[in-house]
Every structure is written in structure tokens, then in C-alpha cells.
Amino acid sequence: MIREVTIVPTILVDNKKDFRDQAERINVFTRRVQIDLTDGVFAPTTTLDITNVWWPKNWITDLHMMVSKPSEYMDTIAKLTPSMVIFHAEASENLLPIFEQLKSMDIHCGVALLPSTYPGAVQQYIEAADHCLVFAGQLGVQGSPADLMQMEKIQLIRNIKPEIEIGWDGGANISNIRALAHCDLDVINVGSAISQADNPADMFNQLVAEIDKSGVVL
């Protein structure tokens, strides 16, 4: 039986106007949103600074932090109080103390794995986290193709921590959303397929409908 899957729109922008525009469009049809933020070091691009980020009170907000030094962002995160913060296993700092700090603030913690990272190599992070993000795109860029070979990590992550929420980030669209939904994922983050659609709400509904279809997955 297919696991219940949540489609989560993502926001990745470099200025306040685009952030507001996307937030207002997304707010019409969803309550859970992932905001992608980069530092220009861990990821080659620089997004809107975290100090300029906001969201409606009714949102369940995940912050995907593509940053080298997570500790530098903790004071701002404490003020924003998102539902969850996802840091990369490949960051330059030990994430375990960061996770403990997040938990002390009642914020869920997530760990993201780059395509080259084997889950077993970061088992301690997966065991400590509430969420594990399989990253299958290009850092700091929306619209890159999905590396579907990354689906092989999903069962490896489940073997480490069966109850963990597993997310997918990178290249999800109407052509592959159904296949992804049948791979034991809990969350599929969708960027450009929604944000660049002529009608983002209609595309979101199409993606949900595609997941709900029964029959053979090709």
C-alpha cells in the first residue's frame, strides 16, 4: 500500500518582491511550505537572507538551509520558530549539537543528503533527526533534472530509522511525481513545476491527482 505523501511547494528566490509574490500564490492552496536558503558558500548561489524571511501564521514552514556553518543562523531561527529546519550532513560543523538546540526550541530537525552521500556514512545524523531529505537536484537552483538514482537511498534510510519522515527534493514534476510517490517517501518538495506554472494552484492539484491514481507505474 502506498504511503500517504505530502506535496510541499518550495520557495527559492533572491529578493523580497519575488518572495512575497510566491508566498501569496502558494498561500491559496497549501499550508506546508519549504523555504530554501543558501549562503553562497555551501551552494554557489545566494538567496534572500534569512533575516528577510517571513511567513503567514497558518503555515507549517520547513527551512532548508544550504549553508556551511549552521551555528551562525541559530539566533535568527530561534526568532522565526519554523516547524522544522533541515541542514545538510555535509556542512562544516557537527550537526548533533545543532539538532539538540533545535529540539530544545521545539523545532523539528532534518538532515539533507547530497547525491554523493551514502546514508550509512551519516547514520548518527539520521538517527537523531526527525526528517531526512534525499537531495536529488542542483544546490541553489530550481528546475534542474531529478537524479532518480537517488531513490535507492530511501530504503537504506528506512533501515536506519523506520519511523523517520523522508523527503525528496530535486526535479519533481508531473512526469515523475507518481513514481516518486510509490517509493516509500512521505514528502515530495516541488519547486519550479509549481512556481513557474501559469496557474500554480492548478498544477498543485494536478500533482496531487497524479499521486492518487491507481494502476501500474511506468
C-alpha atoms as a PDB file:
ATOM      1  CA  MET A   1       0.000   0.000   0.000  1.00  0.00           C
ATOM      2  CA  ILE A   2       1.328   3.436  -0.937  1.00  0.00           C
ATOM      3  CA  ARG A   3       2.371   5.645   1.968  1.00  0.00           C
ATOM      4  CA  GLU A   4       0.429   8.892   2.283  1.00  0.00           C
ATOM      5  CA  VAL A   5       2.556  11.502   0.529  1.00  0.00           C
ATOM      6  CA  THR A   6       2.500  15.261   1.054  1.00  0.00           C
ATOM      7  CA  ILE A   7       3.423  17.609  -1.790  1.00  0.00           C
ATOM      8  CA  VAL A   8       5.262  20.619  -0.386  1.00  0.00           C
ATOM      9  CA  PRO A   9       5.867  23.663  -2.619  1.00  0.00           C
ATOM     10  CA  THR A  10       9.276  25.296  -2.266  1.00  0.00           C
ATOM     11  CA  ILE A  11      10.367  28.913  -2.438  1.00  0.00           C
ATOM     12  CA  LEU A  12      13.864  29.770  -3.674  1.00  0.00           C
ATOM     13  CA  VAL A  13      14.342  33.455  -4.508  1.00  0.00           C
ATOM     14  CA  ASP A  14      16.960  36.166  -4.117  1.00  0.00           C
ATOM     15  CA  ASN A  15      14.799  39.221  -3.390  1.00  0.00           C
ATOM     16  CA  LYS A  16      11.896  40.355  -1.201  1.00  0.00           C
ATOM     17  CA  LYS A  17       9.455  41.030  -4.038  1.00  0.00           C
ATOM     18  CA  ASP A  18       9.728  37.540  -5.529  1.00  0.00           C
ATOM     19  CA  PHE A  19       9.453  36.039  -2.068  1.00  0.00           C
ATOM     20  CA  ARG A  20       6.223  37.903  -1.355  1.00  0.00           C
ATOM     21  CA  ASP A  21       4.798  37.072  -4.781  1.00  0.00           C
ATOM     22  CA  GLN A  22       5.467  33.358  -4.396  1.00  0.00           C
ATOM     23  CA  ALA A  23       4.274  33.284  -0.785  1.00  0.00           C
ATOM     24  CA  GLU A  24       0.981  34.915  -1.739  1.00  0.00           C
ATOM     25  CA  ARG A  25       0.388  32.494  -4.625  1.00  0.00           C
ATOM     26  CA  ILE A  26       1.246  29.419  -2.554  1.00  0.00           C
ATOM     27  CA  ASN A  27      -0.908  30.522   0.372  1.00  0.00           C
ATOM     28  CA  VAL A  28      -4.019  29.991  -1.772  1.00  0.00           C
ATOM     29  CA  PHE A  29      -3.643  26.213  -1.976  1.00  0.00           C
ATOM     30  CA  THR A  30      -1.295  24.846   0.699  1.00  0.00           C
ATOM     31  CA  ARG A  31      -0.238  25.257   4.310  1.00  0.00           C
ATOM     32  CA  ARG A  32       3.079  23.381   4.347  1.00  0.00           C
ATOM     33  CA  VAL A  33       5.914  25.127   2.522  1.00  0.00           C
ATOM     34  CA  GLN A  34       9.676  24.648   2.275  1.00  0.00           C
ATOM     35  CA  ILE A  35      11.787  27.800   2.093  1.00  0.00           C
ATOM     36  CA  ASP A  36      15.212  27.214   0.524  1.00  0.00           C
ATOM     37  CA  LEU A  37      18.066  29.400   1.738  1.00  0.00           C
ATOM     38  CA  THR A  38      21.721  29.422   0.672  1.00  0.00           C
ATOM     39  CA  ASP A  39      24.868  31.157   1.870  1.00  0.00           C
ATOM     40  CA  GLY A  40      26.807  31.446  -1.417  1.00  0.00           C
ATOM     41  CA  VAL A  41      29.448  29.124   0.057  1.00  0.00           C
ATOM     42  CA  PHE A  42      27.888  25.692   0.549  1.00  0.00           C
ATOM     43  CA  ALA A  43      25.752  26.397  -2.503  1.00  0.00           C
ATOM     44  CA  PRO A  44      27.110  28.522  -5.382  1.00  0.00           C
ATOM     45  CA  THR A  45      24.116  30.865  -5.424  1.00  0.00           C
ATOM     46  CA  THR A  46      22.905  33.356  -2.815  1.00  0.00           C
ATOM     47  CA  THR A  47      19.235  33.579  -1.908  1.00  0.00           C
ATOM     48  CA  LEU A  48      17.234  36.061   0.110  1.00  0.00           C
ATOM     49  CA  ASP A  49      18.882  36.482   3.511  1.00  0.00           C
ATOM     50  CA  ILE A  50      17.210  34.613   6.350  1.00  0.00           C
ATOM     51  CA  THR A  51      16.656  37.893   8.218  1.00  0.00           C
ATOM     52  CA  ASN A  52      14.217  38.929   5.458  1.00  0.00           C
ATOM     53  CA  VAL A  53      12.188  35.724   5.577  1.00  0.00           C
ATOM     54  CA  TRP A  54       8.628  35.644   6.931  1.00  0.00           C
ATOM     55  CA  TRP A  55       5.508  33.535   6.505  1.00  0.00           C
ATOM     56  CA  PRO A  56       1.800  33.517   7.426  1.00  0.00           C
ATOM     57  CA  LYS A  57       0.990  32.220  10.898  1.00  0.00           C
ATOM     58  CA  ASN A  58      -1.051  29.350   9.487  1.00  0.00           C
ATOM     59  CA  TRP A  59       1.891  27.855   7.585  1.00  0.00           C
ATOM     60  CA  ILE A  60       3.818  24.741   8.550  1.00  0.00           C
ATOM     61  CA  THR A  61       7.218  26.008   7.483  1.00  0.00           C
ATOM     62  CA  ASP A  62      10.315  23.946   6.743  1.00  0.00           C
ATOM     63  CA  LEU A  63      13.589  25.831   6.321  1.00  0.00           C
ATOM     64  CA  HIS A  64      16.046  24.050   4.016  1.00  0.00           C
ATOM     65  CA  MET A  65      19.372  25.592   4.954  1.00  0.00           C
ATOM     66  CA  MET A  66      22.036  25.023   2.289  1.00  0.00           C
ATOM     67  CA  VAL A  67      24.758  26.567   4.444  1.00  0.00           C
ATOM     68  CA  SER A  68      28.255  25.688   5.548  1.00  0.00           C
ATOM     69  CA  LYS A  69      28.023  26.863   9.167  1.00  0.00           C
ATOM     70  CA  PRO A  70      24.599  26.147  10.699  1.00  0.00           C
ATOM     71  CA  SER A  71      25.511  27.647  14.071  1.00  0.00           C
ATOM     72  CA  GLU A  72      25.632  31.133  12.532  1.00  0.00           C
ATOM     73  CA  TYR A  73      21.884  31.008  11.830  1.00  0.00           C
ATOM     74  CA  MET A  74      20.551  29.673  15.123  1.00  0.00           C
ATOM     75  CA  ASP A  75      19.716  33.036  16.721  1.00  0.00           C
ATOM     76  CA  THR A  76      17.568  34.045  13.752  1.00  0.00           C
ATOM     77  CA  ILE A  77      15.959  30.601  13.595  1.00  0.00           C
ATOM     78  CA  ALA A  78      15.024  30.919  17.276  1.00  0.00           C
ATOM     79  CA  LYS A  79      13.167  34.171  16.482  1.00  0.00           C
ATOM     80  CA  LEU A  80      11.410  32.748  13.406  1.00  0.00           C
ATOM     81  CA  THR A  81      10.370  29.466  15.088  1.00  0.00           C
ATOM     82  CA  PRO A  82       9.742  27.381  11.955  1.00  0.00           C
ATOM     83  CA  SER A  83       8.201  23.932  12.212  1.00  0.00           C
ATOM     84  CA  MET A  84      11.416  22.290  11.003  1.00  0.00           C
ATOM     85  CA  VAL A  85      14.936  23.182   9.952  1.00  0.00           C
ATOM     86  CA  ILE A  86      16.886  20.971   7.556  1.00  0.00           C
ATOM     87  CA  PHE A  87      20.677  21.225   7.496  1.00  0.00           C
ATOM     88  CA  HIS A  88      23.000  19.293   5.214  1.00  0.00           C
ATOM     89  CA  ALA A  89      25.032  16.386   6.522  1.00  0.00           C
ATOM     90  CA  GLU A  90      27.960  17.779   4.519  1.00  0.00           C
ATOM     91  CA  ALA A  91      28.046  21.092   6.437  1.00  0.00           C
ATOM     92  CA  SER A  92      31.353  22.021   8.022  1.00  0.00           C
ATOM     93  CA  GLU A  93      30.043  21.685  11.584  1.00  0.00           C
ATOM     94  CA  ASN A  94      28.843  18.761  13.705  1.00  0.00           C
ATOM     95  CA  LEU A  95      25.054  18.714  13.430  1.00  0.00           C
ATOM     96  CA  LEU A  96      24.326  16.782  16.623  1.00  0.00           C
ATOM     97  CA  PRO A  97      24.631  19.818  18.948  1.00  0.00           C
ATOM     98  CA  ILE A  98      22.624  21.835  16.418  1.00  0.00           C
ATOM     99  CA  PHE A  99      19.852  19.222  16.492  1.00  0.00           C
ATOM    100  CA  GLU A 100      19.794  19.309  20.290  1.00  0.00           C
ATOM    101  CA  GLN A 101      19.473  23.081  20.214  1.00  0.00           C
ATOM    102  CA  LEU A 102      16.587  22.894  17.743  1.00  0.00           C
ATOM    103  CA  LYS A 103      14.799  20.295  19.852  1.00  0.00           C
ATOM    104  CA  SER A 104      15.154  22.487  22.940  1.00  0.00           C
ATOM    105  CA  MET A 105      13.196  25.133  20.993  1.00  0.00           C
ATOM    106  CA  ASP A 106      10.506  22.602  19.967  1.00  0.00           C
ATOM    107  CA  ILE A 107      11.650  22.796  16.353  1.00  0.00           C
ATOM    108  CA  HIS A 108      11.895  19.581  14.351  1.00  0.00           C
ATOM    109  CA  CYS A 109      15.314  18.833  12.889  1.00  0.00           C
ATOM    110  CA  GLY A 110      16.098  17.427   9.471  1.00  0.00           C
ATOM    111  CA  VAL A 111      19.218  16.246   7.700  1.00  0.00           C
ATOM    112  CA  ALA A 112      19.685  16.530   3.934  1.00  0.00           C
ATOM    113  CA  LEU A 113      21.942  14.216   1.942  1.00  0.00           C
ATOM    114  CA  LEU A 114      23.705  15.333  -1.223  1.00  0.00           C
ATOM    115  CA  PRO A 115      23.747  12.804  -4.101  1.00  0.00           C
ATOM    116  CA  SER A 116      27.262  11.625  -3.252  1.00  0.00           C
ATOM    117  CA  THR A 117      26.472  10.954   0.434  1.00  0.00           C
ATOM    118  CA  TYR A 118      25.775   7.367   1.481  1.00  0.00           C
ATOM    119  CA  PRO A 119      23.184   7.164   4.278  1.00  0.00           C
ATOM    120  CA  GLY A 120      25.261   4.738   6.326  1.00  0.00           C
ATOM    121  CA  ALA A 121      28.089   7.273   6.497  1.00  0.00           C
ATOM    122  CA  VAL A 122      25.872   9.731   8.370  1.00  0.00           C
ATOM    123  CA  GLN A 123      23.858   7.232  10.398  1.00  0.00           C
ATOM    124  CA  GLN A 124      24.218   9.251  13.609  1.00  0.00           C
ATOM    125  CA  TYR A 125      22.525  12.228  11.992  1.00  0.00           C
ATOM    126  CA  ILE A 126      19.661  10.157  10.602  1.00  0.00           C
ATOM    127  CA  GLU A 127      19.114   8.525  13.998  1.00  0.00           C
ATOM    128  CA  ALA A 128      18.970  11.930  15.690  1.00  0.00           C
ATOM    129  CA  ALA A 129      16.773  13.640  13.090  1.00  0.00           C
ATOM    130  CA  ASP A 130      13.016  13.828  12.621  1.00  0.00           C
ATOM    131  CA  HIS A 131      13.303  14.125   8.837  1.00  0.00           C
ATOM    132  CA  CYS A 132      15.783  13.009   6.184  1.00  0.00           C
ATOM    133  CA  LEU A 133      15.813  14.849   2.859  1.00  0.00           C
ATOM    134  CA  VAL A 134      17.052  12.972  -0.201  1.00  0.00           C
ATOM    135  CA  PHE A 135      18.504  15.766  -2.309  1.00  0.00           C
ATOM    136  CA  ALA A 136      18.468  14.911  -5.997  1.00  0.00           C
ATOM    137  CA  GLY A 137      18.838  18.242  -7.769  1.00  0.00           C
ATOM    138  CA  GLN A 138      21.353  21.062  -8.017  1.00  0.00           C
ATOM    139  CA  LEU A 139      22.123  23.162  -4.945  1.00  0.00           C
ATOM    140  CA  GLY A 140      20.547  26.592  -5.011  1.00  0.00           C
ATOM    141  CA  VAL A 141      18.826  26.103  -8.366  1.00  0.00           C
ATOM    142  CA  GLN A 142      15.227  25.308  -9.245  1.00  0.00           C
ATOM    143  CA  GLY A 143      14.386  23.436 -12.431  1.00  0.00           C
ATOM    144  CA  SER A 144      17.321  21.023 -12.520  1.00  0.00           C
ATOM    145  CA  PRO A 145      16.504  17.451 -13.612  1.00  0.00           C
ATOM    146  CA  ALA A 146      15.867  14.819 -10.962  1.00  0.00           C
ATOM    147  CA  ASP A 147      18.558  12.227 -10.313  1.00  0.00           C
ATOM    148  CA  LEU A 148      16.170   9.309  -9.887  1.00  0.00           C
ATOM    149  CA  MET A 149      19.025   7.011  -8.886  1.00  0.00           C
ATOM    150  CA  GLN A 150      18.795   8.711  -5.504  1.00  0.00           C
ATOM    151  CA  MET A 151      15.616   6.710  -4.849  1.00  0.00           C
ATOM    152  CA  GLU A 152      17.908   3.831  -3.866  1.00  0.00           C
ATOM    153  CA  LYS A 153      18.717   5.723  -0.649  1.00  0.00           C
ATOM    154  CA  ILE A 154      15.153   5.630   0.621  1.00  0.00           C
ATOM    155  CA  GLN A 155      15.197   2.017   1.811  1.00  0.00           C
ATOM    156  CA  LEU A 156      18.665   2.492   3.292  1.00  0.00           C
ATOM    157  CA  ILE A 157      17.341   5.388   5.352  1.00  0.00           C
ATOM    158  CA  ARG A 158      14.305   3.350   6.438  1.00  0.00           C
ATOM    159  CA  ASN A 159      16.638   0.563   7.554  1.00  0.00           C
ATOM    160  CA  ILE A 160      18.429   3.018   9.836  1.00  0.00           C
ATOM    161  CA  LYS A 161      15.311   4.668  11.276  1.00  0.00           C
ATOM    162  CA  PRO A 162      11.994   3.181  10.081  1.00  0.00           C
ATOM    163  CA  GLU A 163       9.792   5.901  11.560  1.00  0.00           C
ATOM    164  CA  ILE A 164      11.685   8.906  10.164  1.00  0.00           C
ATOM    165  CA  GLU A 165       9.901  11.235   7.752  1.00  0.00           C
ATOM    166  CA  ILE A 166      11.649  11.046   4.376  1.00  0.00           C
ATOM    167  CA  GLY A 167      11.500  13.860   1.855  1.00  0.00           C
ATOM    168  CA  TRP A 168      12.586  14.265  -1.754  1.00  0.00           C
ATOM    169  CA  ASP A 169      13.965  17.486  -3.214  1.00  0.00           C
ATOM    170  CA  GLY A 170      15.019  17.928  -6.830  1.00  0.00           C
ATOM    171  CA  GLY A 171      13.307  17.801 -10.202  1.00  0.00           C
ATOM    172  CA  ALA A 172       9.884  16.560  -9.108  1.00  0.00           C
ATOM    173  CA  ASN A 173       7.242  17.282 -11.744  1.00  0.00           C
ATOM    174  CA  ILE A 174       4.099  15.877 -13.329  1.00  0.00           C
ATOM    175  CA  SER A 175       6.079  13.290 -15.312  1.00  0.00           C
ATOM    176  CA  ASN A 176       7.762  11.637 -12.315  1.00  0.00           C
ATOM    177  CA  ILE A 177       5.650  12.530  -9.262  1.00  0.00           C
ATOM    178  CA  ARG A 178       3.732   9.255  -9.371  1.00  0.00           C
ATOM    179  CA  ALA A 179       6.870   7.123  -9.492  1.00  0.00           C
ATOM    180  CA  LEU A 180       8.358   9.089  -6.596  1.00  0.00           C
ATOM    181  CA  ALA A 181       5.180   8.713  -4.558  1.00  0.00           C
ATOM    182  CA  HIS A 182       5.430   4.917  -4.824  1.00  0.00           C
ATOM    183  CA  CYS A 183       8.961   4.830  -3.370  1.00  0.00           C
ATOM    184  CA  ASP A 184       8.134   4.997   0.355  1.00  0.00           C
ATOM    185  CA  LEU A 185       8.507   8.780   0.602  1.00  0.00           C
ATOM    186  CA  ASP A 186       6.493  10.938   2.998  1.00  0.00           C
ATOM    187  CA  VAL A 187       7.160  14.329   1.418  1.00  0.00           C
ATOM    188  CA  ILE A 188       7.882  15.438  -2.135  1.00  0.00           C
ATOM    189  CA  ASN A 189       9.111  19.010  -2.400  1.00  0.00           C
ATOM    190  CA  VAL A 190       8.218  20.684  -5.684  1.00  0.00           C
ATOM    191  CA  GLY A 191       9.858  23.870  -6.927  1.00  0.00           C
ATOM    192  CA  SER A 192       9.773  25.111 -10.498  1.00  0.00           C
ATOM    193  CA  ALA A 193       6.986  22.758 -11.611  1.00  0.00           C
ATOM    194  CA  ILE A 194       4.684  24.826  -9.381  1.00  0.00           C
ATOM    195  CA  SER A 195       6.375  28.239  -9.192  1.00  0.00           C
ATOM    196  CA  GLN A 196       6.837  28.543 -12.974  1.00  0.00           C
ATOM    197  CA  ALA A 197       3.409  27.174 -13.899  1.00  0.00           C
ATOM    198  CA  ASP A 198       0.891  29.529 -15.488  1.00  0.00           C
ATOM    199  CA  ASN A 199      -1.520  28.510 -12.749  1.00  0.00           C
ATOM    200  CA  PRO A 200       0.391  27.247  -9.673  1.00  0.00           C
ATOM    201  CA  ALA A 201      -2.765  26.159  -7.833  1.00  0.00           C
ATOM    202  CA  ASP A 202      -3.958  24.122 -10.814  1.00  0.00           C
ATOM    203  CA  MET A 203      -0.539  22.459 -11.154  1.00  0.00           C
ATOM    204  CA  PHE A 204      -0.518  21.616  -7.449  1.00  0.00           C
ATOM    205  CA  ASN A 205      -3.910  19.954  -7.834  1.00  0.00           C
ATOM    206  CA  GLN A 206      -2.710  18.046 -10.909  1.00  0.00           C
ATOM    207  CA  LEU A 207       0.265  16.718  -8.949  1.00  0.00           C
ATOM    208  CA  VAL A 208      -1.997  15.584  -6.111  1.00  0.00           C
ATOM    209  CA  ALA A 209      -4.327  13.881  -8.589  1.00  0.00           C
ATOM    210  CA  GLU A 210      -1.412  12.121 -10.273  1.00  0.00           C
ATOM    211  CA  ILE A 211      -0.285  10.654  -6.958  1.00  0.00           C
ATOM    212  CA  ASP A 212      -3.790   9.425  -6.244  1.00  0.00           C
ATOM    213  CA  LYS A 213      -4.048   7.443  -9.480  1.00  0.00           C
ATOM    214  CA  SER A 214      -4.022   3.648  -9.161  1.00  0.00           C
ATOM    215  CA  GLY A 215      -2.554   1.122 -11.556  1.00  0.00           C
ATOM    216  CA  VAL A 216       0.853   0.323 -12.969  1.00  0.00           C
ATOM    217  CA  VAL A 217       3.592   2.894 -12.545  1.00  0.00           C
ATOM    218  CA  LEU A 218       5.585   3.140 -15.776  1.00  0.00           C
END
